Amino acid sequence: MKMKISLTAFVLVCIPCWLRGQSTTEEEFNYLSRGYQIQLESGLDMKKDYRLELLDRTTLPIHNAARSVEFSGLYREGTDKPCAYLVTLGQGDNTLKNYLCIPSYDAPDALWDRAFQEMTERLGKDPDAYAAVFLASLRFAASEGRRGGHSLFDPNMVYMPSDNDEDMGPYASCKDRSLIYRVSPVPGGKGPGRVVLNVIIDRSGKVFSVDQDLMSSTTASADLYGRAKEAALKCRFNGDPNAPIQDACKLTFTFH
């Protein structure tokens, strides 16, 4: 019992550290915890004025049985910060799934109580289910890394220039995907110059391949390219499960 409570507490504390600025409402919590499953089973359209984006998916072999865990963000129309997370736990052929809502950091206490209660009720006495969610949460957190003591996926950590700092970007050019989290390069280096990068992203929106577009860049400095590449690999585009396995985009950084 203590292990179950500890694992549940870890997930409910670890995930919402990224959810600041978009407080989860009771209606949004109810939608993810119950309404979304009804929507899928009934073939209904997505809730009006919202979008759901897949952020991470992993499959774990636990006791010779495959357990899949997905993390998706619920976004209000016109915003780039999730107001809640949906955790989808599947097993076997994925015909049996559990849907759990993780509210925002500043959500009302009543929603936190419900999140804890529903997780313990729906996962029941299945230790493998808790293990899958726990390990997937660790993977999700670790994959985003840490920057300055904060998660790289914290939507509030989008780079904003200070009064004495010129915005270095990046700015994205991509046909069907949007940059939802940007990381600016470390200032300095042998500038000035503009570095344009060709980046390849996967369906979850992660950048996994980077090379320089020398024809569009105004500098061939290896130092500036290295700084831009390091930042680009930490950027994140929106997830799209229907996108190509590999999507090509461009990121532009300006060094002053």
Protein backbone atom coordinates (compact mmCIF):
# COMPACT_ATOMS: atom_id res chain seq x y z
CA MET A 1 0.00 0.00 0.00
CA LYS A 2 2.82 2.41 0.88
CA MET A 3 4.52 1.66 -2.45
CA LYS A 4 1.29 2.37 -4.32
CA ILE A 5 0.86 5.71 -2.57
CA SER A 6 4.50 6.63 -3.19
CA LEU A 7 4.32 5.88 -6.92
CA THR A 8 1.05 7.76 -7.27
CA ALA A 9 2.46 10.74 -5.42
CA PHE A 10 5.57 10.76 -7.62
CA VAL A 11 3.55 10.97 -10.84
CA LEU A 12 1.21 13.62 -9.48
CA VAL A 13 4.11 15.77 -8.29
CA CYS A 14 6.62 15.17 -11.10
CA ILE A 15 4.39 15.84 -14.10
CA PRO A 16 2.64 19.05 -13.01
CA CYS A 17 5.95 20.85 -12.36
CA TRP A 18 5.73 21.76 -16.07
CA LEU A 19 2.13 22.96 -15.85
CA ARG A 20 2.29 26.57 -14.77
CA GLY A 21 0.28 29.44 -16.20
CA GLN A 22 -2.82 27.51 -17.37
CA SER A 23 -4.81 26.46 -14.30
CA THR A 24 -6.93 23.35 -14.90
CA THR A 25 -10.69 23.86 -14.52
CA GLU A 26 -13.11 21.25 -13.24
CA GLU A 27 -14.64 21.00 -16.72
CA GLU A 28 -11.23 20.28 -18.25
CA PHE A 29 -10.45 17.71 -15.58
CA ASN A 30 -13.77 15.95 -16.17
CA TYR A 31 -13.17 15.94 -19.91
CA LEU A 32 -9.81 14.20 -19.67
CA SER A 33 -10.71 11.82 -16.85
CA ARG A 34 -14.08 10.69 -18.30
CA GLY A 35 -15.27 12.62 -21.34
CA TYR A 36 -12.34 11.82 -23.61
CA GLN A 37 -12.94 8.08 -23.36
CA ILE A 38 -16.64 8.59 -24.13
CA GLN A 39 -15.64 10.73 -27.11
CA LEU A 40 -13.42 7.98 -28.52
CA GLU A 41 -15.94 5.20 -27.96
CA SER A 42 -18.77 7.24 -29.49
CA GLY A 43 -16.78 8.60 -32.42
CA LEU A 44 -17.44 12.20 -31.39
CA ASP A 45 -15.38 15.21 -32.39
CA MET A 46 -12.72 16.77 -30.21
CA LYS A 47 -13.99 19.10 -27.49
CA LYS A 48 -14.65 22.52 -29.04
CA ASP A 49 -11.95 25.17 -28.60
CA TYR A 50 -9.36 22.61 -27.47
CA ARG A 51 -6.67 20.44 -29.01
CA LEU A 52 -4.87 17.39 -27.65
CA GLU A 53 -1.24 16.83 -28.63
CA LEU A 54 0.78 13.66 -28.07
CA LEU A 55 3.98 14.56 -26.21
CA ASP A 56 5.56 11.22 -25.43
CA ARG A 57 4.88 7.51 -25.89
CA THR A 58 6.74 4.53 -24.50
CA THR A 59 6.20 0.77 -24.32
CA LEU A 60 7.64 -1.16 -21.39
CA PRO A 61 8.01 -4.94 -21.05
CA ILE A 62 6.91 -5.66 -17.49
CA HIS A 63 6.76 -9.31 -16.41
CA ASN A 64 6.78 -10.35 -20.09
CA ALA A 65 3.71 -8.20 -20.83
CA ALA A 66 3.85 -4.99 -22.87
CA ARG A 67 2.53 -1.86 -21.17
CA SER A 68 2.21 1.35 -23.17
CA VAL A 69 2.07 4.79 -21.59
CA GLU A 70 1.30 8.02 -23.43
CA PHE A 71 1.52 11.60 -22.20
CA SER A 72 -0.62 14.15 -24.05
CA GLY A 73 -1.17 17.84 -23.40
CA LEU A 74 -4.58 19.51 -23.49
CA TYR A 75 -4.33 23.00 -25.00
CA ARG A 76 -6.93 25.74 -25.10
CA GLU A 77 -7.47 27.30 -28.51
CA GLY A 78 -4.93 30.01 -29.23
CA THR A 79 -2.51 28.99 -26.45
CA ASP A 80 0.81 27.17 -26.48
CA LYS A 81 0.78 26.04 -22.85
CA PRO A 82 -1.06 22.87 -21.76
CA CYS A 83 -3.78 23.31 -19.17
CA ALA A 84 -3.66 19.62 -18.15
CA TYR A 85 -2.05 16.30 -19.05
CA LEU A 86 -3.72 13.10 -20.16
CA VAL A 87 -1.94 9.89 -19.21
CA THR A 88 -3.09 6.87 -21.24
CA LEU A 89 -2.10 3.45 -19.97
CA GLY A 90 -2.58 0.46 -22.29
CA GLN A 91 -1.79 -3.21 -21.99
CA GLY A 92 -1.59 -6.18 -24.34
CA ASP A 93 -3.20 -5.29 -27.64
CA ASN A 94 -4.22 -1.88 -26.26
CA THR A 95 -7.93 -2.71 -26.36
CA LEU A 96 -8.05 -2.09 -22.61
CA LYS A 97 -6.95 1.40 -21.61
CA ASN A 98 -7.02 3.62 -18.56
CA TYR A 99 -7.24 7.39 -18.90
CA LEU A 100 -5.91 9.59 -16.11
CA CYS A 101 -5.94 13.38 -15.83
CA ILE A 102 -3.01 15.20 -14.22
CA PRO A 103 -4.11 18.75 -13.31
CA SER A 104 -1.98 21.89 -13.35
CA TYR A 105 0.32 22.89 -10.54
CA ASP A 106 -2.08 25.59 -9.31
CA ALA A 107 -5.32 23.67 -9.80
CA PRO A 108 -7.82 23.66 -6.90
CA ASP A 109 -7.08 21.19 -4.11
CA ALA A 110 -10.31 19.36 -4.92
CA LEU A 111 -8.97 18.41 -8.36
CA TRP A 112 -5.73 17.16 -6.85
CA ASP A 113 -7.71 15.00 -4.43
CA ARG A 114 -9.70 13.58 -7.33
CA ALA A 115 -6.56 12.91 -9.38
CA PHE A 116 -5.04 10.92 -6.54
CA GLN A 117 -8.27 9.04 -5.87
CA GLU A 118 -8.93 8.18 -9.52
CA MET A 119 -5.39 6.98 -10.12
CA THR A 120 -5.52 4.63 -7.14
CA GLU A 121 -9.02 3.41 -8.07
CA ARG A 122 -8.36 2.83 -11.77
CA LEU A 123 -5.01 1.16 -11.40
CA GLY A 124 -6.40 -0.82 -8.49
CA LYS A 125 -4.22 -3.57 -7.10
CA ASP A 126 -2.21 -3.99 -10.29
CA PRO A 127 1.45 -3.35 -9.33
CA ASP A 128 2.53 -3.67 -12.95
CA ALA A 129 0.31 -0.74 -13.89
CA TYR A 130 1.89 1.44 -11.22
CA ALA A 131 5.35 0.35 -12.29
CA ALA A 132 4.62 1.22 -15.93
CA VAL A 133 3.33 4.70 -15.10
CA PHE A 134 6.20 5.30 -12.70
CA LEU A 135 8.92 4.25 -15.17
CA ALA A 136 7.30 6.12 -18.06
CA SER A 137 7.11 9.26 -15.91
CA LEU A 138 10.81 8.96 -15.13
CA ARG A 139 11.55 8.57 -18.84
CA PHE A 140 9.36 11.54 -19.72
CA ALA A 141 11.06 13.73 -17.14
CA ALA A 142 14.57 12.58 -18.04
CA SER A 143 14.02 13.00 -21.77
CA GLU A 144 13.31 16.69 -21.29
CA GLY A 145 16.46 17.17 -19.22
CA ARG A 146 17.16 20.02 -16.88
CA ARG A 147 18.14 23.63 -17.50
CA GLY A 148 18.80 25.98 -14.65
CA GLY A 149 16.96 23.70 -12.23
CA HIS A 150 13.78 23.62 -14.30
CA SER A 151 12.36 21.14 -16.73
CA LEU A 152 13.12 21.94 -20.33
CA PHE A 153 9.49 21.27 -21.10
CA ASP A 154 8.21 23.95 -18.72
CA PRO A 155 6.02 26.01 -21.08
CA ASN A 156 6.88 29.18 -19.11
CA MET A 157 10.58 28.85 -19.90
CA VAL A 158 10.28 30.08 -23.49
CA TYR A 159 13.21 32.45 -24.00
CA MET A 160 12.35 36.12 -23.54
CA PRO A 161 15.12 38.71 -24.01
CA SER A 162 15.94 41.04 -21.14
CA ASP A 163 16.28 44.80 -21.53
CA ASN A 164 20.01 44.41 -22.20
CA ASP A 165 19.78 41.32 -24.37
CA GLU A 166 18.81 41.11 -28.03
CA ASP A 167 16.56 38.24 -29.06
CA MET A 168 18.62 35.56 -30.81
CA GLY A 169 15.68 33.34 -31.71
CA PRO A 170 15.21 30.70 -32.86
CA TYR A 171 12.48 31.32 -35.37
CA ALA A 172 10.96 28.34 -37.11
CA SER A 173 9.90 27.69 -40.67
CA CYS A 174 7.84 24.52 -41.02
CA LYS A 175 4.91 23.69 -43.25
CA ASP A 176 2.63 21.75 -40.91
CA ARG A 177 4.28 21.96 -37.48
CA SER A 178 4.70 24.77 -34.98
CA LEU A 179 7.46 25.53 -32.50
CA ILE A 180 5.90 25.29 -29.04
CA TYR A 181 9.09 25.54 -26.98
CA ARG A 182 12.19 27.39 -28.01
CA VAL A 183 15.63 27.54 -26.45
CA SER A 184 18.00 30.37 -27.30
CA PRO A 185 21.72 29.69 -27.67
CA VAL A 186 24.29 30.64 -25.07
CA PRO A 187 25.25 34.28 -25.80
CA GLY A 188 28.74 35.16 -26.94
CA GLY A 189 30.87 33.41 -29.47
CA LYS A 190 32.49 34.72 -32.59
CA GLY A 191 29.63 36.77 -33.98
CA PRO A 192 27.79 38.46 -35.45
CA GLY A 193 25.98 36.26 -37.91
CA ARG A 194 22.82 34.38 -38.77
CA VAL A 195 22.83 30.58 -38.52
CA VAL A 196 20.10 28.72 -40.36
CA LEU A 197 19.66 25.05 -39.49
CA ASN A 198 17.90 22.20 -41.24
CA VAL A 199 16.30 20.13 -38.50
CA ILE A 200 14.47 16.80 -38.59
CA ILE A 201 11.73 16.20 -36.03
CA ASP A 202 9.75 13.09 -35.12
CA ARG A 203 6.02 12.72 -34.55
CA SER A 204 6.32 13.75 -30.90
CA GLY A 205 7.95 17.02 -31.95
CA LYS A 206 11.47 16.25 -30.76
CA VAL A 207 14.45 17.44 -32.81
CA PHE A 208 16.80 14.53 -33.46
CA SER A 209 18.90 15.66 -36.43
CA VAL A 210 20.55 19.02 -37.16
CA ASP A 211 22.80 20.35 -39.93
CA GLN A 212 23.58 23.85 -41.13
CA ASP A 213 22.05 25.44 -44.23
CA LEU A 214 25.17 27.24 -45.40
CA MET A 215 23.41 28.81 -48.39
CA SER A 216 20.95 30.63 -46.11
CA SER A 217 23.38 31.35 -43.27
CA THR A 218 25.56 34.46 -43.19
CA THR A 219 28.38 32.79 -41.28
CA ALA A 220 30.25 29.51 -41.39
CA SER A 221 31.60 29.90 -37.86
CA ALA A 222 31.93 26.49 -36.22
CA ASP A 223 31.53 28.12 -32.82
CA LEU A 224 28.21 29.78 -33.68
CA TYR A 225 26.98 26.61 -35.39
CA GLY A 226 27.82 24.58 -32.29
CA ARG A 227 25.92 27.00 -30.04
CA ALA A 228 22.91 27.01 -32.38
CA LYS A 229 22.91 23.21 -32.72
CA GLU A 230 23.00 22.71 -28.96
CA ALA A 231 19.96 24.98 -28.55
CA ALA A 232 18.10 23.44 -31.51
CA LEU A 233 18.29 19.95 -30.05
CA LYS A 234 16.46 21.23 -26.95
CA CYS A 235 13.64 22.89 -28.89
CA ARG A 236 10.25 21.22 -29.22
CA PHE A 237 7.61 21.28 -31.96
CA ASN A 238 3.99 20.28 -31.53
CA GLY A 239 3.28 16.56 -31.57
CA ASP A 240 1.23 15.00 -34.35
CA PRO A 241 0.62 11.23 -34.45
CA ASN A 242 -0.46 11.52 -38.11
CA ALA A 243 2.66 13.36 -39.26
CA PRO A 244 5.42 11.68 -41.26
CA ILE A 245 7.90 9.69 -39.22
CA GLN A 246 10.42 12.41 -40.07
CA ASP A 247 9.48 16.04 -40.73
CA ALA A 248 11.92 18.64 -42.13
CA CYS A 249 11.91 22.18 -40.72
CA LYS A 250 14.25 25.13 -40.39
CA LEU A 251 15.41 27.09 -37.34
CA THR A 252 17.08 30.49 -37.61
CA PHE A 253 19.36 31.92 -34.90
CA THR A 254 20.79 35.45 -34.95
CA PHE A 255 24.00 36.23 -33.09
CA HIS A 256 24.79 39.85 -32.33
